Each structure stands twice: as C-alpha cells, then as structure tokens.
Amino acid sequence: VQLQASGGGLVQPGGSLRLSCAASGYDSANFGIGWFRQSPGKEREAVSCISGSRGPTYYADSVKGRFTISRDIGKNSVYLQMNSLKPEDTAVYYCATDFELNSNTNCLRYGVGRWDYWGRGTLVTVSS
C-alpha cells in the first residue's frame, strides 16, 4: 500500500489549491481515506475523510464550507479542494487510509493513531 500526496505550494490568503492523493497497491475505492494536517508545534489533526468505501464524508469545523474531499475511482485517487485559504491552514498535509474503518464510523473521531497507512506529506503555505 502506498499513498502519495501532492499539490501543495505557496498561495495567498483567499486563494485555492487542490491536493491529490494517489493510491497504489490496493483499491482505494473499497476503504475509508482521509486528509490530515500538521502545523509546527501542533498535533496532527484530521481535516476531512470518507468513512468506508461509500461512506459519508466529514469535515473539521475549521474547514467546513471551504474544503471538499472527492474520489476518482478510475484514477485510484482522492482529492482535497481547498478554497478561501487562510494563514491558519498552513501545514503539511497527509493522506491516510485504514482497512478497518467502516461507513458506520465517524472517521474524524476515529483517532489519528489508528490509521494504518500514511503517505508523505505535501506542504501548504498560505501567506501574502
């Protein structure tokens, strides 16, 4: 199982970025997947996730209405569209998957430490 996050960069406040998470070695459409972020000096936090293969999507309150998670089954990839970016969104963003997470579980409350497979992060910097 491999996950590769990409799409980070420097953007001005109010701008947009789309992060991509390319999965390989397994069919990502069959399992839950999530986006996380970690800022210097802070714990890694869940940003958005999909519970199970066709489970509901969840968003942290801090990004609700601004970020959108989506899947492209054909490309075995997951995306995070980030709009109206704020300086406090600056962080390294990671994608992760877990094979035990089912659609009945709120993946935001699943616990960061329970996710089994992680990709390398991509840095998002929001600054003028």
C-alpha atoms as a PDB file:
ATOM      1  CA  VAL A   1       0.000   0.000   0.000  1.00  0.00           C
ATOM      2  CA  GLN A   2       1.397   3.350  -1.000  1.00  0.00           C
ATOM      3  CA  LEU A   3      -0.087   6.813  -0.822  1.00  0.00           C
ATOM      4  CA  GLN A   4       1.472   9.869  -2.387  1.00  0.00           C
ATOM      5  CA  ALA A   5       0.170  13.328  -1.621  1.00  0.00           C
ATOM      6  CA  SER A   6       0.926  16.213  -3.948  1.00  0.00           C
ATOM      7  CA  GLY A   7      -0.325  19.633  -4.946  1.00  0.00           C
ATOM      8  CA  GLY A   8       0.918  21.740  -2.081  1.00  0.00           C
ATOM      9  CA  GLY A   9       2.534  25.100  -2.544  1.00  0.00           C
ATOM     10  CA  LEU A  10       2.512  28.768  -1.640  1.00  0.00           C
ATOM     11  CA  VAL A  11      -0.793  30.592  -2.036  1.00  0.00           C
ATOM     12  CA  GLN A  12      -2.106  33.943  -0.922  1.00  0.00           C
ATOM     13  CA  PRO A  13      -4.930  34.220   1.600  1.00  0.00           C
ATOM     14  CA  GLY A  14      -8.243  33.712  -0.148  1.00  0.00           C
ATOM     15  CA  GLY A  15      -6.660  31.532  -2.793  1.00  0.00           C
ATOM     16  CA  SER A  16      -7.244  27.889  -3.718  1.00  0.00           C
ATOM     17  CA  LEU A  17      -5.274  24.697  -4.037  1.00  0.00           C
ATOM     18  CA  ARG A  18      -6.188  21.143  -4.918  1.00  0.00           C
ATOM     19  CA  LEU A  19      -4.310  18.368  -3.222  1.00  0.00           C
ATOM     20  CA  SER A  20      -4.104  14.911  -4.763  1.00  0.00           C
ATOM     21  CA  CYS A  21      -3.501  11.579  -3.098  1.00  0.00           C
ATOM     22  CA  ALA A  22      -2.511   8.818  -5.490  1.00  0.00           C
ATOM     23  CA  ALA A  23      -3.005   5.334  -4.098  1.00  0.00           C
ATOM     24  CA  SER A  24      -1.249   2.207  -5.299  1.00  0.00           C
ATOM     25  CA  GLY A  25      -1.034  -1.386  -4.215  1.00  0.00           C
ATOM     26  CA  TYR A  26      -4.705  -1.592  -3.328  1.00  0.00           C
ATOM     27  CA  ASP A  27      -8.102  -0.411  -4.485  1.00  0.00           C
ATOM     28  CA  SER A  28      -8.653   2.789  -2.556  1.00  0.00           C
ATOM     29  CA  ALA A  29     -12.337   2.884  -3.514  1.00  0.00           C
ATOM     30  CA  ASN A  30     -13.023  -0.005  -1.138  1.00  0.00           C
ATOM     31  CA  PHE A  31     -11.756   1.666   2.009  1.00  0.00           C
ATOM     32  CA  GLY A  32     -12.013   4.798   4.039  1.00  0.00           C
ATOM     33  CA  ILE A  33      -9.495   7.518   3.383  1.00  0.00           C
ATOM     34  CA  GLY A  34      -8.699  10.847   4.948  1.00  0.00           C
ATOM     35  CA  TRP A  35      -6.731  14.056   4.805  1.00  0.00           C
ATOM     36  CA  PHE A  36      -4.803  15.265   7.810  1.00  0.00           C
ATOM     37  CA  ARG A  37      -2.542  18.196   8.535  1.00  0.00           C
ATOM     38  CA  GLN A  38       0.146  19.114  10.985  1.00  0.00           C
ATOM     39  CA  SER A  39       1.493  22.560  11.768  1.00  0.00           C
ATOM     40  CA  PRO A  40       4.763  23.181  13.638  1.00  0.00           C
ATOM     41  CA  GLY A  41       4.300  22.588  17.322  1.00  0.00           C
ATOM     42  CA  LYS A  42       0.830  21.138  16.902  1.00  0.00           C
ATOM     43  CA  GLU A  43      -0.562  17.652  16.829  1.00  0.00           C
ATOM     44  CA  ARG A  44      -1.651  16.082  13.579  1.00  0.00           C
ATOM     45  CA  GLU A  45      -5.354  16.637  13.059  1.00  0.00           C
ATOM     46  CA  ALA A  46      -7.998  15.215  10.771  1.00  0.00           C
ATOM     47  CA  VAL A  47      -9.216  17.672   8.157  1.00  0.00           C
ATOM     48  CA  SER A  48     -11.619  15.632   6.056  1.00  0.00           C
ATOM     49  CA  CYS A  49     -12.327  11.982   5.446  1.00  0.00           C
ATOM     50  CA  ILE A  50     -14.582   9.419   3.873  1.00  0.00           C
ATOM     51  CA  SER A  51     -15.724   6.530   6.041  1.00  0.00           C
ATOM     52  CA  GLY A  52     -15.635   3.197   4.218  1.00  0.00           C
ATOM     53  CA  SER A  53     -16.000   2.532   0.536  1.00  0.00           C
ATOM     54  CA  ARG A  54     -19.124   4.651   0.071  1.00  0.00           C
ATOM     55  CA  GLY A  55     -19.385   6.131   3.479  1.00  0.00           C
ATOM     56  CA  PRO A  56     -20.295   9.678   4.418  1.00  0.00           C
ATOM     57  CA  THR A  57     -17.804  12.486   4.223  1.00  0.00           C
ATOM     58  CA  TYR A  58     -16.754  14.513   7.219  1.00  0.00           C
ATOM     59  CA  TYR A  59     -15.071  17.850   7.645  1.00  0.00           C
ATOM     60  CA  ALA A  60     -13.426  19.522  10.590  1.00  0.00           C
ATOM     61  CA  ASP A  61     -15.320  22.618  11.686  1.00  0.00           C
ATOM     62  CA  SER A  62     -12.338  24.780  10.764  1.00  0.00           C
ATOM     63  CA  VAL A  63     -12.584  23.827   7.079  1.00  0.00           C
ATOM     64  CA  LYS A  64     -16.283  23.165   6.632  1.00  0.00           C
ATOM     65  CA  GLY A  65     -17.678  25.090   3.673  1.00  0.00           C
ATOM     66  CA  ARG A  66     -14.208  25.763   2.277  1.00  0.00           C
ATOM     67  CA  PHE A  67     -12.709  22.307   1.634  1.00  0.00           C
ATOM     68  CA  THR A  68     -14.166  19.460  -0.413  1.00  0.00           C
ATOM     69  CA  ILE A  69     -12.980  15.858  -0.461  1.00  0.00           C
ATOM     70  CA  SER A  70     -13.638  13.722  -3.516  1.00  0.00           C
ATOM     71  CA  ARG A  71     -12.663  10.448  -5.127  1.00  0.00           C
ATOM     72  CA  ASP A  72     -11.741   9.437  -8.670  1.00  0.00           C
ATOM     73  CA  ILE A  73     -12.175   5.680  -8.692  1.00  0.00           C
ATOM     74  CA  GLY A  74     -10.719   5.303 -12.168  1.00  0.00           C
ATOM     75  CA  LYS A  75      -7.521   7.037 -11.121  1.00  0.00           C
ATOM     76  CA  ASN A  76      -7.417   5.390  -7.689  1.00  0.00           C
ATOM     77  CA  SER A  77      -7.037   8.835  -6.204  1.00  0.00           C
ATOM     78  CA  VAL A  78      -8.574  11.146  -3.657  1.00  0.00           C
ATOM     79  CA  TYR A  79      -8.548  14.918  -3.775  1.00  0.00           C
ATOM     80  CA  LEU A  80      -8.923  17.802  -1.388  1.00  0.00           C
ATOM     81  CA  GLN A  81     -10.120  21.022  -2.981  1.00  0.00           C
ATOM     82  CA  MET A  82      -9.220  23.893  -0.684  1.00  0.00           C
ATOM     83  CA  ASN A  83     -10.819  27.283  -1.250  1.00  0.00           C
ATOM     84  CA  SER A  84     -10.755  30.559   0.670  1.00  0.00           C
ATOM     85  CA  LEU A  85      -7.481  29.547   2.239  1.00  0.00           C
ATOM     86  CA  LYS A  86      -6.381  31.229   5.438  1.00  0.00           C
ATOM     87  CA  PRO A  87      -2.927  31.591   7.008  1.00  0.00           C
ATOM     88  CA  GLU A  88      -4.007  29.143   9.712  1.00  0.00           C
ATOM     89  CA  ASP A  89      -4.406  26.471   7.026  1.00  0.00           C
ATOM     90  CA  THR A  90      -0.632  26.451   6.650  1.00  0.00           C
ATOM     91  CA  ALA A  91       0.582  22.942   7.412  1.00  0.00           C
ATOM     92  CA  VAL A  92       1.944  19.748   5.980  1.00  0.00           C
ATOM     93  CA  TYR A  93      -0.992  17.794   4.600  1.00  0.00           C
ATOM     94  CA  TYR A  94      -1.083  13.999   4.589  1.00  0.00           C
ATOM     95  CA  CYS A  95      -3.458  11.389   3.252  1.00  0.00           C
ATOM     96  CA  ALA A  96      -4.035   8.119   5.026  1.00  0.00           C
ATOM     97  CA  THR A  97      -6.151   5.017   4.758  1.00  0.00           C
ATOM     98  CA  ASP A  98      -7.295   2.286   7.105  1.00  0.00           C
ATOM     99  CA  PHE A  99      -8.753  -1.057   6.146  1.00  0.00           C
ATOM    100  CA  GLU A 100     -10.871  -1.467   9.280  1.00  0.00           C
ATOM    101  CA  LEU A 101     -12.675   1.840   9.107  1.00  0.00           C
ATOM    102  CA  ASN A 102     -16.255   1.236   8.055  1.00  0.00           C
ATOM    103  CA  SER A 103     -19.014   3.503   6.870  1.00  0.00           C
ATOM    104  CA  ASN A 104     -20.722   3.461  10.275  1.00  0.00           C
ATOM    105  CA  THR A 105     -17.804   5.200  11.940  1.00  0.00           C
ATOM    106  CA  ASN A 106     -17.241   8.931  12.052  1.00  0.00           C
ATOM    107  CA  CYS A 107     -13.752   8.933  10.588  1.00  0.00           C
ATOM    108  CA  LEU A 108     -12.970  12.345  12.091  1.00  0.00           C
ATOM    109  CA  ARG A 109     -13.254  10.755  15.535  1.00  0.00           C
ATOM    110  CA  TYR A 110     -11.507   7.527  14.576  1.00  0.00           C
ATOM    111  CA  GLY A 111      -8.237   8.616  16.105  1.00  0.00           C
ATOM    112  CA  VAL A 112      -5.194   9.711  14.144  1.00  0.00           C
ATOM    113  CA  GLY A 113      -3.130   6.879  15.605  1.00  0.00           C
ATOM    114  CA  ARG A 114      -5.490   4.227  14.277  1.00  0.00           C
ATOM    115  CA  TRP A 115      -4.943   4.961  10.607  1.00  0.00           C
ATOM    116  CA  ASP A 116      -2.648   2.265   9.238  1.00  0.00           C
ATOM    117  CA  TYR A 117      -1.146   3.658   6.065  1.00  0.00           C
ATOM    118  CA  TRP A 118       0.204   7.126   5.501  1.00  0.00           C
ATOM    119  CA  GLY A 119       1.661   8.927   2.561  1.00  0.00           C
ATOM    120  CA  ARG A 120       4.382  11.527   2.615  1.00  0.00           C
ATOM    121  CA  GLY A 121       3.029  14.962   3.221  1.00  0.00           C
ATOM    122  CA  THR A 122       2.780  17.978   0.974  1.00  0.00           C
ATOM    123  CA  LEU A 123       3.403  21.448   2.347  1.00  0.00           C
ATOM    124  CA  VAL A 124       0.739  24.118   2.035  1.00  0.00           C
ATOM    125  CA  THR A 125       1.765  27.657   2.892  1.00  0.00           C
ATOM    126  CA  VAL A 126      -0.830  30.409   2.955  1.00  0.00           C
ATOM    127  CA  SER A 127       0.853  33.772   3.127  1.00  0.00           C
ATOM    128  CA  SER A 128       0.841  37.158   1.477  1.00  0.00           C
END
